[in-house]
């Protein structure tokens, strides 16, 4: 193996640049040529390759977003698109690829290898922390802290005006952001896709709180909850509790941005190194992750198809600590 490439794909996550930096410098350390592919699979198809050196990633470890840009590619979903991407990789004589992204990124990499035989290793770059094979994903810690900072500020105004705030955080299929925000933010209720929290439960919790002279509430809602978005949930609750003074705050895409925390920089650096050294050791079609403080390699099939479960202890913590 003489030449490798690295790209980012899907939603951006704080720490992606730290991972790119680690991939580039680890490759150089081991005497490899390293190319960056800009704009994900679209760039792979269009030949948007740039040769990288150590200075290419100077002063990037602290930056959010991704210096290689990111995009979702409909063309890569077709055999013709993947064939174009393979031609470009062969043109640049790329022997292996590091893919920084999530579930869809790894599904594309696995399909690509089946058709064209170029090995990929993945690094889990997603704020959702929903990939099987790593306790934490790159960007998760930063996203939680960003959301929690906003929730702390919302708590102040909720208390001042004696209101109920429904705070929506990211998590289309996962409550991994919502759960620590609920515990760390002192929320009364958390609503996530992995568990069922009925509107009746929300109503009962609010009524019981008012009976105990509680004057403000924070309810954390993952965007993928079965009852709908926070605005939908408020409308349902207001039908039963018209006296409720409620507000909705959608934290949104600020969770994806910003300078990565120390934990995300460290994790991204470890996993970037692990991806390059995994390729050199003959690994392919796996994701580098960290479980119980150890670097492990999990087959793409497992990261794609196995469900990463929320610890039920956290749900119980929200229930007990909100009393």
C-alpha atoms as a PDB file:
ATOM      1  CA  UNK A   1       0.000   0.000   0.000  1.00  0.00           C
ATOM      2  CA  UNK A   2       1.545   3.265  -1.191  1.00  0.00           C
ATOM      3  CA  UNK A   3      -1.286   5.739  -1.662  1.00  0.00           C
ATOM      4  CA  UNK A   4      -4.450   6.233   0.361  1.00  0.00           C
ATOM      5  CA  UNK A   5      -7.276   8.766   0.367  1.00  0.00           C
ATOM      6  CA  UNK A   6      -9.566  10.260   2.990  1.00  0.00           C
ATOM      7  CA  UNK A   7     -12.990  11.883   2.681  1.00  0.00           C
ATOM      8  CA  UNK A   8     -15.920  13.032   4.817  1.00  0.00           C
ATOM      9  CA  UNK A   9     -19.514  12.222   3.993  1.00  0.00           C
ATOM     10  CA  UNK A  10     -23.016  12.831   5.325  1.00  0.00           C
ATOM     11  CA  UNK A  11     -23.751  15.318   8.081  1.00  0.00           C
ATOM     12  CA  UNK A  12     -20.758  17.228   9.395  1.00  0.00           C
ATOM     13  CA  UNK A  13     -19.630  16.655  12.975  1.00  0.00           C
ATOM     14  CA  UNK A  14     -17.202  18.541  15.236  1.00  0.00           C
ATOM     15  CA  UNK A  15     -13.933  16.616  15.264  1.00  0.00           C
ATOM     16  CA  UNK A  16     -13.966  15.581  11.613  1.00  0.00           C
ATOM     17  CA  UNK A  17     -11.010  17.900  10.976  1.00  0.00           C
ATOM     18  CA  UNK A  18      -9.116  16.367  13.872  1.00  0.00           C
ATOM     19  CA  UNK A  19      -9.705  12.954  12.294  1.00  0.00           C
ATOM     20  CA  UNK A  20      -8.581  14.150   8.843  1.00  0.00           C
ATOM     21  CA  UNK A  21      -5.457  15.588  10.471  1.00  0.00           C
ATOM     22  CA  UNK A  22      -4.684  12.293  12.185  1.00  0.00           C
ATOM     23  CA  UNK A  23      -5.195  10.322   8.958  1.00  0.00           C
ATOM     24  CA  UNK A  24      -2.922  12.644   6.980  1.00  0.00           C
ATOM     25  CA  UNK A  25      -0.111  12.737   9.504  1.00  0.00           C
ATOM     26  CA  UNK A  26      -0.266   9.025  10.301  1.00  0.00           C
ATOM     27  CA  UNK A  27      -0.067   8.256   6.582  1.00  0.00           C
ATOM     28  CA  UNK A  28       2.972  10.531   6.221  1.00  0.00           C
ATOM     29  CA  UNK A  29       4.584   8.957   9.297  1.00  0.00           C
ATOM     30  CA  UNK A  30       4.293   5.539   7.637  1.00  0.00           C
ATOM     31  CA  UNK A  31       5.660   6.765   4.295  1.00  0.00           C
ATOM     32  CA  UNK A  32       2.356   6.827   2.405  1.00  0.00           C
ATOM     33  CA  UNK A  33       1.108   9.378  -0.089  1.00  0.00           C
ATOM     34  CA  UNK A  34      -2.203  10.806   1.065  1.00  0.00           C
ATOM     35  CA  UNK A  35      -4.986  12.444  -0.948  1.00  0.00           C
ATOM     36  CA  UNK A  36      -8.057  14.269   0.270  1.00  0.00           C
ATOM     37  CA  UNK A  37     -11.292  13.769  -1.627  1.00  0.00           C
ATOM     38  CA  UNK A  38     -13.474  16.878  -1.485  1.00  0.00           C
ATOM     39  CA  UNK A  39     -17.280  16.736  -1.212  1.00  0.00           C
ATOM     40  CA  UNK A  40     -17.643  13.084  -0.305  1.00  0.00           C
ATOM     41  CA  UNK A  41     -18.744  10.518  -2.858  1.00  0.00           C
ATOM     42  CA  UNK A  42     -19.608  13.310  -5.314  1.00  0.00           C
ATOM     43  CA  UNK A  43     -15.964  14.358  -5.278  1.00  0.00           C
ATOM     44  CA  UNK A  44     -14.870  10.758  -5.721  1.00  0.00           C
ATOM     45  CA  UNK A  45     -17.014  10.519  -8.851  1.00  0.00           C
ATOM     46  CA  UNK A  46     -15.847  13.884 -10.211  1.00  0.00           C
ATOM     47  CA  UNK A  47     -12.147  13.422  -9.446  1.00  0.00           C
ATOM     48  CA  UNK A  48     -12.010  16.225  -6.876  1.00  0.00           C
ATOM     49  CA  UNK A  49      -8.778  14.929  -5.308  1.00  0.00           C
ATOM     50  CA  UNK A  50      -6.074  17.022  -3.640  1.00  0.00           C
ATOM     51  CA  UNK A  51      -2.673  15.785  -2.534  1.00  0.00           C
ATOM     52  CA  UNK A  52      -2.144  16.526   1.126  1.00  0.00           C
ATOM     53  CA  UNK A  53       0.911  17.022   3.304  1.00  0.00           C
ATOM     54  CA  UNK A  54       1.493  17.881   6.930  1.00  0.00           C
ATOM     55  CA  UNK A  55       0.900  21.592   6.365  1.00  0.00           C
ATOM     56  CA  UNK A  56      -2.472  20.824   4.734  1.00  0.00           C
ATOM     57  CA  UNK A  57      -3.877  20.056   8.175  1.00  0.00           C
ATOM     58  CA  UNK A  58      -2.014  22.636  10.259  1.00  0.00           C
ATOM     59  CA  UNK A  59      -4.243  24.709  12.523  1.00  0.00           C
ATOM     60  CA  UNK A  60      -7.299  22.526  11.885  1.00  0.00           C
ATOM     61  CA  UNK A  61      -7.672  20.343  14.985  1.00  0.00           C
ATOM     62  CA  UNK A  62      -9.735  23.014  16.764  1.00  0.00           C
ATOM     63  CA  UNK A  63     -12.033  23.819  13.836  1.00  0.00           C
ATOM     64  CA  UNK A  64     -15.586  22.580  13.405  1.00  0.00           C
ATOM     65  CA  UNK A  65     -17.053  21.389  10.129  1.00  0.00           C
ATOM     66  CA  UNK A  66     -14.826  19.647   7.613  1.00  0.00           C
ATOM     67  CA  UNK A  67     -12.051  21.157   5.496  1.00  0.00           C
ATOM     68  CA  UNK A  68     -12.793  18.496   2.854  1.00  0.00           C
ATOM     69  CA  UNK A  69     -16.458  19.552   2.682  1.00  0.00           C
ATOM     70  CA  UNK A  70     -19.312  17.065   2.703  1.00  0.00           C
ATOM     71  CA  UNK A  71     -22.168  16.130   0.416  1.00  0.00           C
ATOM     72  CA  UNK A  72     -24.733  13.427  -0.136  1.00  0.00           C
ATOM     73  CA  UNK A  73     -24.502  11.761  -3.542  1.00  0.00           C
ATOM     74  CA  UNK A  74     -27.487  10.353  -5.391  1.00  0.00           C
ATOM     75  CA  UNK A  75     -25.243   9.350  -8.296  1.00  0.00           C
ATOM     76  CA  UNK A  76     -23.123   7.107  -6.051  1.00  0.00           C
ATOM     77  CA  UNK A  77     -26.265   5.082  -5.296  1.00  0.00           C
ATOM     78  CA  UNK A  78     -26.169   3.834  -8.910  1.00  0.00           C
ATOM     79  CA  UNK A  79     -23.769   1.224 -10.368  1.00  0.00           C
ATOM     80  CA  UNK A  80     -22.758   3.757 -13.010  1.00  0.00           C
ATOM     81  CA  UNK A  81     -21.839   6.337 -10.389  1.00  0.00           C
ATOM     82  CA  UNK A  82     -19.784   3.854  -8.412  1.00  0.00           C
ATOM     83  CA  UNK A  83     -17.994   2.800 -11.596  1.00  0.00           C
ATOM     84  CA  UNK A  84     -17.009   6.434 -12.227  1.00  0.00           C
ATOM     85  CA  UNK A  85     -15.700   6.687  -8.667  1.00  0.00           C
ATOM     86  CA  UNK A  86     -13.646   3.518  -9.154  1.00  0.00           C
ATOM     87  CA  UNK A  87     -12.110   4.930 -12.330  1.00  0.00           C
ATOM     88  CA  UNK A  88     -11.009   8.047 -10.444  1.00  0.00           C
ATOM     89  CA  UNK A  89      -9.470   6.062  -7.576  1.00  0.00           C
ATOM     90  CA  UNK A  90      -7.573   3.911 -10.067  1.00  0.00           C
ATOM     91  CA  UNK A  91      -6.464   7.009 -11.971  1.00  0.00           C
ATOM     92  CA  UNK A  92      -4.851   8.349  -8.800  1.00  0.00           C
ATOM     93  CA  UNK A  93      -3.558   4.838  -7.928  1.00  0.00           C
ATOM     94  CA  UNK A  94      -5.340   4.824  -4.569  1.00  0.00           C
ATOM     95  CA  UNK A  95      -4.813   1.556  -2.660  1.00  0.00           C
ATOM     96  CA  UNK A  96      -7.173   2.199   0.253  1.00  0.00           C
ATOM     97  CA  UNK A  97      -9.672   4.764   1.514  1.00  0.00           C
ATOM     98  CA  UNK A  98     -10.576   6.188   4.926  1.00  0.00           C
ATOM     99  CA  UNK A  99     -14.249   7.173   5.071  1.00  0.00           C
ATOM    100  CA  UNK A 100     -15.320   9.505   7.881  1.00  0.00           C
ATOM    101  CA  UNK A 101     -19.080   9.445   8.232  1.00  0.00           C
ATOM    102  CA  UNK A 102     -22.062   7.447   9.369  1.00  0.00           C
ATOM    103  CA  UNK A 103     -24.334   4.573   8.438  1.00  0.00           C
ATOM    104  CA  UNK A 104     -25.012   5.656   4.850  1.00  0.00           C
ATOM    105  CA  UNK A 105     -21.330   6.327   4.228  1.00  0.00           C
ATOM    106  CA  UNK A 106     -20.384   2.816   5.316  1.00  0.00           C
ATOM    107  CA  UNK A 107     -23.217   1.184   3.366  1.00  0.00           C
ATOM    108  CA  UNK A 108     -21.896   2.899   0.232  1.00  0.00           C
ATOM    109  CA  UNK A 109     -18.336   1.811   0.991  1.00  0.00           C
ATOM    110  CA  UNK A 110     -19.376  -1.820   1.454  1.00  0.00           C
ATOM    111  CA  UNK A 111     -21.304  -1.881  -1.817  1.00  0.00           C
ATOM    112  CA  UNK A 112     -18.385  -0.210  -3.579  1.00  0.00           C
ATOM    113  CA  UNK A 113     -15.913  -2.857  -2.360  1.00  0.00           C
ATOM    114  CA  UNK A 114     -18.197  -5.678  -3.521  1.00  0.00           C
ATOM    115  CA  UNK A 115     -18.163  -4.221  -7.025  1.00  0.00           C
ATOM    116  CA  UNK A 116     -14.636  -2.805  -7.329  1.00  0.00           C
ATOM    117  CA  UNK A 117     -12.474  -4.377  -4.621  1.00  0.00           C
ATOM    118  CA  UNK A 118     -10.884  -1.225  -3.197  1.00  0.00           C
ATOM    119  CA  UNK A 119     -10.611  -1.528   0.600  1.00  0.00           C
ATOM    120  CA  UNK A 120     -12.245   1.027   2.905  1.00  0.00           C
ATOM    121  CA  UNK A 121     -11.971   1.644   6.644  1.00  0.00           C
ATOM    122  CA  UNK A 122     -14.472   3.904   8.369  1.00  0.00           C
ATOM    123  CA  UNK A 123     -14.249   6.373  11.233  1.00  0.00           C
ATOM    124  CA  UNK A 124     -17.592   7.084  12.955  1.00  0.00           C
ATOM    125  CA  UNK A 125     -18.233  10.771  12.293  1.00  0.00           C
ATOM    126  CA  UNK A 126     -21.774  11.625  13.406  1.00  0.00           C
ATOM    127  CA  UNK A 127     -23.225  13.618  16.284  1.00  0.00           C
ATOM    128  CA  UNK A 128     -26.028  11.066  16.737  1.00  0.00           C
ATOM    129  CA  UNK A 129     -23.802   8.435  18.422  1.00  0.00           C
ATOM    130  CA  UNK A 130     -25.977   5.749  16.843  1.00  0.00           C
ATOM    131  CA  UNK A 131     -23.308   3.543  15.240  1.00  0.00           C
ATOM    132  CA  UNK A 132     -22.781   0.058  16.641  1.00  0.00           C
ATOM    133  CA  UNK A 133     -19.105  -0.574  17.357  1.00  0.00           C
ATOM    134  CA  UNK A 134     -18.064   2.537  19.285  1.00  0.00           C
ATOM    135  CA  UNK A 135     -19.139   3.837  22.680  1.00  0.00           C
ATOM    136  CA  UNK A 136     -18.949   7.375  21.322  1.00  0.00           C
ATOM    137  CA  UNK A 137     -18.844   8.754  17.793  1.00  0.00           C
ATOM    138  CA  UNK A 138     -16.836  11.756  16.619  1.00  0.00           C
ATOM    139  CA  UNK A 139     -18.813  14.938  17.311  1.00  0.00           C
ATOM    140  CA  UNK A 140     -21.196  13.475  19.863  1.00  0.00           C
ATOM    141  CA  UNK A 141     -19.636  14.993  22.975  1.00  0.00           C
ATOM    142  CA  UNK A 142     -19.497  18.439  21.394  1.00  0.00           C
ATOM    143  CA  UNK A 143     -23.112  18.252  20.212  1.00  0.00           C
ATOM    144  CA  UNK A 144     -24.344  17.273  23.678  1.00  0.00           C
ATOM    145  CA  UNK A 145     -22.409  20.096  25.330  1.00  0.00           C
ATOM    146  CA  UNK A 146     -23.677  22.607  22.771  1.00  0.00           C
ATOM    147  CA  UNK A 147     -27.276  21.539  23.359  1.00  0.00           C
ATOM    148  CA  UNK A 148     -26.804  21.469  27.126  1.00  0.00           C
ATOM    149  CA  UNK A 149     -25.451  25.010  27.141  1.00  0.00           C
ATOM    150  CA  UNK A 150     -28.609  26.171  25.347  1.00  0.00           C
ATOM    151  CA  UNK A 151     -30.838  24.201  27.726  1.00  0.00           C
ATOM    152  CA  UNK A 152     -29.187  25.843  30.753  1.00  0.00           C
ATOM    153  CA  UNK A 153     -30.092  29.241  29.332  1.00  0.00           C
ATOM    154  CA  UNK A 154     -33.639  28.126  28.544  1.00  0.00           C
ATOM    155  CA  UNK A 155     -33.977  26.894  32.133  1.00  0.00           C
ATOM    156  CA  UNK A 156     -33.318  30.436  33.369  1.00  0.00           C
ATOM    157  CA  UNK A 157     -36.135  31.962  31.331  1.00  0.00           C
ATOM    158  CA  UNK A 158     -38.474  29.043  32.053  1.00  0.00           C
ATOM    159  CA  UNK A 159     -37.997  29.662  35.762  1.00  0.00           C
ATOM    160  CA  UNK A 160     -38.358  33.428  35.463  1.00  0.00           C
ATOM    161  CA  UNK A 161     -41.637  33.228  33.526  1.00  0.00           C
ATOM    162  CA  UNK A 162     -42.971  30.011  35.126  1.00  0.00           C
ATOM    163  CA  UNK A 163     -43.320  28.308  31.763  1.00  0.00           C
ATOM    164  CA  UNK A 164     -43.097  24.858  30.230  1.00  0.00           C
ATOM    165  CA  UNK A 165     -40.385  24.637  27.588  1.00  0.00           C
ATOM    166  CA  UNK A 166     -40.358  21.850  25.015  1.00  0.00           C
ATOM    167  CA  UNK A 167     -36.788  21.707  23.726  1.00  0.00           C
ATOM    168  CA  UNK A 168     -36.156  19.743  20.541  1.00  0.00           C
ATOM    169  CA  UNK A 169     -32.699  18.299  19.940  1.00  0.00           C
ATOM    170  CA  UNK A 170     -31.347  16.331  16.997  1.00  0.00           C
ATOM    171  CA  UNK A 171     -31.887  12.590  16.804  1.00  0.00           C
ATOM    172  CA  UNK A 172     -34.019  11.347  13.921  1.00  0.00           C
ATOM    173  CA  UNK A 173     -33.528   7.689  14.881  1.00  0.00           C
ATOM    174  CA  UNK A 174     -31.696   7.975  18.186  1.00  0.00           C
ATOM    175  CA  UNK A 175     -32.133   9.476  21.635  1.00  0.00           C
ATOM    176  CA  UNK A 176     -28.431   9.541  22.397  1.00  0.00           C
ATOM    177  CA  UNK A 177     -28.295  13.348  22.356  1.00  0.00           C
ATOM    178  CA  UNK A 178     -31.614  13.829  24.121  1.00  0.00           C
ATOM    179  CA  UNK A 179     -30.894  11.491  27.035  1.00  0.00           C
ATOM    180  CA  UNK A 180     -27.721  13.117  28.465  1.00  0.00           C
ATOM    181  CA  UNK A 181     -29.277  16.536  27.816  1.00  0.00           C
ATOM    182  CA  UNK A 182     -32.287  15.524  29.905  1.00  0.00           C
ATOM    183  CA  UNK A 183     -30.161  14.200  32.767  1.00  0.00           C
ATOM    184  CA  UNK A 184     -27.544  16.956  32.649  1.00  0.00           C
ATOM    185  CA  UNK A 185     -30.131  19.677  32.098  1.00  0.00           C
ATOM    186  CA  UNK A 186     -32.432  18.557  34.888  1.00  0.00           C
ATOM    187  CA  UNK A 187     -35.388  17.936  32.579  1.00  0.00           C
ATOM    188  CA  UNK A 188     -38.667  16.554  33.874  1.00  0.00           C
ATOM    189  CA  UNK A 189     -39.365  14.418  30.794  1.00  0.00           C
ATOM    190  CA  UNK A 190     -37.376  13.042  27.856  1.00  0.00           C
ATOM    191  CA  UNK A 191     -39.058  11.791  24.673  1.00  0.00           C
ATOM    192  CA  UNK A 192     -36.917   9.612  22.406  1.00  0.00           C
ATOM    193  CA  UNK A 193     -37.489   7.179  19.498  1.00  0.00           C
ATOM    194  CA  UNK A 194     -36.281   4.151  21.498  1.00  0.00           C
ATOM    195  CA  UNK A 195     -39.031   4.395  24.146  1.00  0.00           C
ATOM    196  CA  UNK A 196     -42.712   5.257  24.150  1.00  0.00           C
ATOM    197  CA  UNK A 197     -43.718   8.338  26.107  1.00  0.00           C
ATOM    198  CA  UNK A 198     -47.398   9.018  25.591  1.00  0.00           C
ATOM    199  CA  UNK A 199     -49.051  12.421  25.597  1.00  0.00           C
ATOM    200  CA  UNK A 200     -51.001  11.216  28.639  1.00  0.00           C
ATOM    201  CA  UNK A 201     -47.697  10.692  30.474  1.00  0.00           C
ATOM    202  CA  UNK A 202     -46.636  14.247  29.665  1.00  0.00           C
ATOM    203  CA  UNK A 203     -49.982  15.590  30.896  1.00  0.00           C
ATOM    204  CA  UNK A 204     -49.833  13.575  34.132  1.00  0.00           C
ATOM    205  CA  UNK A 205     -46.264  14.715  34.815  1.00  0.00           C
ATOM    206  CA  UNK A 206     -47.190  18.368  34.384  1.00  0.00           C
ATOM    207  CA  UNK A 207     -50.305  18.079  36.541  1.00  0.00           C
ATOM    208  CA  UNK A 208     -48.450  16.253  39.317  1.00  0.00           C
ATOM    209  CA  UNK A 209     -45.726  18.897  39.221  1.00  0.00           C
ATOM    210  CA  UNK A 210     -48.217  21.726  39.556  1.00  0.00           C
ATOM    211  CA  UNK A 211     -49.775  19.962  42.554  1.00  0.00           C
ATOM    212  CA  UNK A 212     -46.314  20.020  44.177  1.00  0.00           C
ATOM    213  CA  UNK A 213     -46.097  23.779  43.471  1.00  0.00           C
ATOM    214  CA  UNK A 214     -43.605  23.272  40.650  1.00  0.00           C
ATOM    215  CA  UNK A 215     -43.704  26.335  38.417  1.00  0.00           C
ATOM    216  CA  UNK A 216     -41.453  25.533  35.445  1.00  0.00           C
ATOM    217  CA  UNK A 217     -40.626  22.467  33.372  1.00  0.00           C
ATOM    218  CA  UNK A 218     -38.142  21.403  30.740  1.00  0.00           C
ATOM    219  CA  UNK A 219     -39.190  18.625  28.369  1.00  0.00           C
ATOM    220  CA  UNK A 220     -36.510  17.319  26.002  1.00  0.00           C
ATOM    221  CA  UNK A 221     -37.766  15.939  22.679  1.00  0.00           C
ATOM    222  CA  UNK A 222     -35.637  14.034  20.165  1.00  0.00           C
ATOM    223  CA  UNK A 223     -36.733  15.077  16.681  1.00  0.00           C
ATOM    224  CA  UNK A 224     -37.592  11.465  15.806  1.00  0.00           C
ATOM    225  CA  UNK A 225     -39.957  10.774  18.710  1.00  0.00           C
ATOM    226  CA  UNK A 226     -43.050   8.778  17.802  1.00  0.00           C
ATOM    227  CA  UNK A 227     -45.376  11.582  18.975  1.00  0.00           C
ATOM    228  CA  UNK A 228     -43.832  13.991  16.464  1.00  0.00           C
ATOM    229  CA  UNK A 229     -41.743  17.128  16.649  1.00  0.00           C
ATOM    230  CA  UNK A 230     -41.887  19.398  19.672  1.00  0.00           C
ATOM    231  CA  UNK A 231     -44.433  21.705  18.001  1.00  0.00           C
ATOM    232  CA  UNK A 232     -46.736  18.725  17.344  1.00  0.00           C
ATOM    233  CA  UNK A 233     -46.450  17.547  20.943  1.00  0.00           C
ATOM    234  CA  UNK A 234     -47.257  20.985  22.358  1.00  0.00           C
ATOM    235  CA  UNK A 235     -50.461  21.171  20.303  1.00  0.00           C
ATOM    236  CA  UNK A 236     -51.565  17.759  21.610  1.00  0.00           C
ATOM    237  CA  UNK A 237     -50.834  18.680  25.240  1.00  0.00           C
ATOM    238  CA  UNK A 238     -52.528  22.083  24.975  1.00  0.00           C
ATOM    239  CA  UNK A 239     -55.826  20.406  24.073  1.00  0.00           C
ATOM    240  CA  UNK A 240     -55.899  18.813  27.538  1.00  0.00           C
ATOM    241  CA  UNK A 241     -54.146  21.652  29.395  1.00  0.00           C
ATOM    242  CA  UNK A 242     -55.265  24.949  27.828  1.00  0.00           C
ATOM    243  CA  UNK A 243     -53.950  26.803  30.890  1.00  0.00           C
ATOM    244  CA  UNK A 244     -50.386  25.681  30.129  1.00  0.00           C
ATOM    245  CA  UNK A 245     -47.977  28.496  29.244  1.00  0.00           C
ATOM    246  CA  UNK A 246     -45.652  26.663  26.849  1.00  0.00           C
ATOM    247  CA  UNK A 247     -42.867  27.558  24.466  1.00  0.00           C
ATOM    248  CA  UNK A 248     -40.931  25.517  21.919  1.00  0.00           C
ATOM    249  CA  UNK A 249     -37.210  25.833  21.228  1.00  0.00           C
ATOM    250  CA  UNK A 250     -35.640  23.856  18.380  1.00  0.00           C
ATOM    251  CA  UNK A 251     -31.882  23.851  18.932  1.00  0.00           C
ATOM    252  CA  UNK A 252     -31.240  22.571  15.411  1.00  0.00           C
ATOM    253  CA  UNK A 253     -28.037  22.691  13.423  1.00  0.00           C
ATOM    254  CA  UNK A 254     -25.954  24.607  15.939  1.00  0.00           C
ATOM    255  CA  UNK A 255     -25.433  21.136  17.445  1.00  0.00           C
ATOM    256  CA  UNK A 256     -23.342  20.209  14.406  1.00  0.00           C
ATOM    257  CA  UNK A 257     -21.052  23.220  14.491  1.00  0.00           C
ATOM    258  CA  UNK A 258     -18.449  24.741  16.731  1.00  0.00           C
ATOM    259  CA  UNK A 259     -15.017  23.870  18.011  1.00  0.00           C
ATOM    260  CA  UNK A 260     -14.798  20.216  19.134  1.00  0.00           C
ATOM    261  CA  UNK A 261     -14.367  19.414  22.801  1.00  0.00           C
ATOM    262  CA  UNK A 262     -11.161  17.881  24.116  1.00  0.00           C
ATOM    263  CA  UNK A 263     -12.860  14.474  24.209  1.00  0.00           C
ATOM    264  CA  UNK A 264     -13.866  14.714  20.535  1.00  0.00           C
ATOM    265  CA  UNK A 265     -10.394  15.857  19.482  1.00  0.00           C
ATOM    266  CA  UNK A 266      -8.807  12.939  21.315  1.00  0.00           C
ATOM    267  CA  UNK A 267     -11.278  10.357  19.989  1.00  0.00           C
ATOM    268  CA  UNK A 268     -10.989  11.658  16.418  1.00  0.00           C
ATOM    269  CA  UNK A 269      -7.204  11.561  16.602  1.00  0.00           C
ATOM    270  CA  UNK A 270      -7.171   8.009  17.953  1.00  0.00           C
ATOM    271  CA  UNK A 271      -9.603   6.727  15.354  1.00  0.00           C
ATOM    272  CA  UNK A 272      -7.869   8.509  12.470  1.00  0.00           C
ATOM    273  CA  UNK A 273      -4.606   6.789  13.409  1.00  0.00           C
ATOM    274  CA  UNK A 274      -6.417   3.467  13.812  1.00  0.00           C
ATOM    275  CA  UNK A 275      -7.911   3.731  10.309  1.00  0.00           C
ATOM    276  CA  UNK A 276      -4.551   4.210   8.591  1.00  0.00           C
ATOM    277  CA  UNK A 277      -2.795   1.536  10.613  1.00  0.00           C
ATOM    278  CA  UNK A 278      -5.732  -0.800  10.054  1.00  0.00           C
ATOM    279  CA  UNK A 279      -5.359  -0.414   6.281  1.00  0.00           C
ATOM    280  CA  UNK A 280      -1.624  -1.101   6.582  1.00  0.00           C
ATOM    281  CA  UNK A 281      -2.409  -4.258   8.550  1.00  0.00           C
ATOM    282  CA  UNK A 282      -4.751  -5.561   5.872  1.00  0.00           C
ATOM    283  CA  UNK A 283      -8.099  -4.645   7.428  1.00  0.00           C
ATOM    284  CA  UNK A 284     -10.964  -3.682   5.145  1.00  0.00           C
ATOM    285  CA  UNK A 285     -14.709  -3.074   5.267  1.00  0.00           C
ATOM    286  CA  UNK A 286     -14.554  -2.277   8.969  1.00  0.00           C
ATOM    287  CA  UNK A 287     -15.155   0.734  11.177  1.00  0.00           C
ATOM    288  CA  UNK A 288     -12.544   1.763  13.729  1.00  0.00           C
ATOM    289  CA  UNK A 289     -14.236   2.436  17.057  1.00  0.00           C
ATOM    290  CA  UNK A 290     -13.543   2.638  20.752  1.00  0.00           C
ATOM    291  CA  UNK A 291     -15.320   0.311  23.181  1.00  0.00           C
ATOM    292  CA  UNK A 292     -14.435   0.110  26.875  1.00  0.00           C
ATOM    293  CA  UNK A 293     -11.376   2.297  26.231  1.00  0.00           C
ATOM    294  CA  UNK A 294     -10.002  -0.081  23.575  1.00  0.00           C
ATOM    295  CA  UNK A 295      -9.727   0.426  19.809  1.00  0.00           C
ATOM    296  CA  UNK A 296     -11.716  -2.232  17.956  1.00  0.00           C
ATOM    297  CA  UNK A 297     -12.639  -2.873  14.326  1.00  0.00           C
ATOM    298  CA  UNK A 298     -16.280  -3.705  13.600  1.00  0.00           C
ATOM    299  CA  UNK A 299     -17.445  -5.037  10.199  1.00  0.00           C
ATOM    300  CA  UNK A 300     -19.476  -2.558   8.192  1.00  0.00           C
ATOM    301  CA  UNK A 301     -22.313  -5.109   8.103  1.00  0.00           C
ATOM    302  CA  UNK A 302     -22.624  -4.837  11.881  1.00  0.00           C
ATOM    303  CA  UNK A 303     -22.357  -1.047  12.056  1.00  0.00           C
ATOM    304  CA  UNK A 304     -25.077  -0.811   9.409  1.00  0.00           C
ATOM    305  CA  UNK A 305     -27.510  -3.444  10.675  1.00  0.00           C
ATOM    306  CA  UNK A 306     -26.994  -3.833  14.437  1.00  0.00           C
ATOM    307  CA  UNK A 307     -28.884  -1.487  16.742  1.00  0.00           C
ATOM    308  CA  UNK A 308     -27.059   0.469  19.395  1.00  0.00           C
ATOM    309  CA  UNK A 309     -29.373   0.512  22.391  1.00  0.00           C
ATOM    310  CA  UNK A 310     -29.937   3.240  24.970  1.00  0.00           C
ATOM    311  CA  UNK A 311     -29.037   2.105  28.473  1.00  0.00           C
ATOM    312  CA  UNK A 312     -32.379   1.734  30.326  1.00  0.00           C
ATOM    313  CA  UNK A 313     -30.663   2.991  33.478  1.00  0.00           C
ATOM    314  CA  UNK A 314     -30.669   6.483  31.953  1.00  0.00           C
ATOM    315  CA  UNK A 315     -34.454   6.452  31.468  1.00  0.00           C
ATOM    316  CA  UNK A 316     -34.864   5.505  35.117  1.00  0.00           C
ATOM    317  CA  UNK A 317     -32.497   8.309  36.136  1.00  0.00           C
ATOM    318  CA  UNK A 318     -34.666  10.904  34.407  1.00  0.00           C
ATOM    319  CA  UNK A 319     -37.761   9.545  36.156  1.00  0.00           C
ATOM    320  CA  UNK A 320     -36.193   9.481  39.626  1.00  0.00           C
ATOM    321  CA  UNK A 321     -34.214  12.713  39.488  1.00  0.00           C
ATOM    322  CA  UNK A 322     -37.109  14.808  38.151  1.00  0.00           C
ATOM    323  CA  UNK A 323     -39.248  14.164  41.251  1.00  0.00           C
END
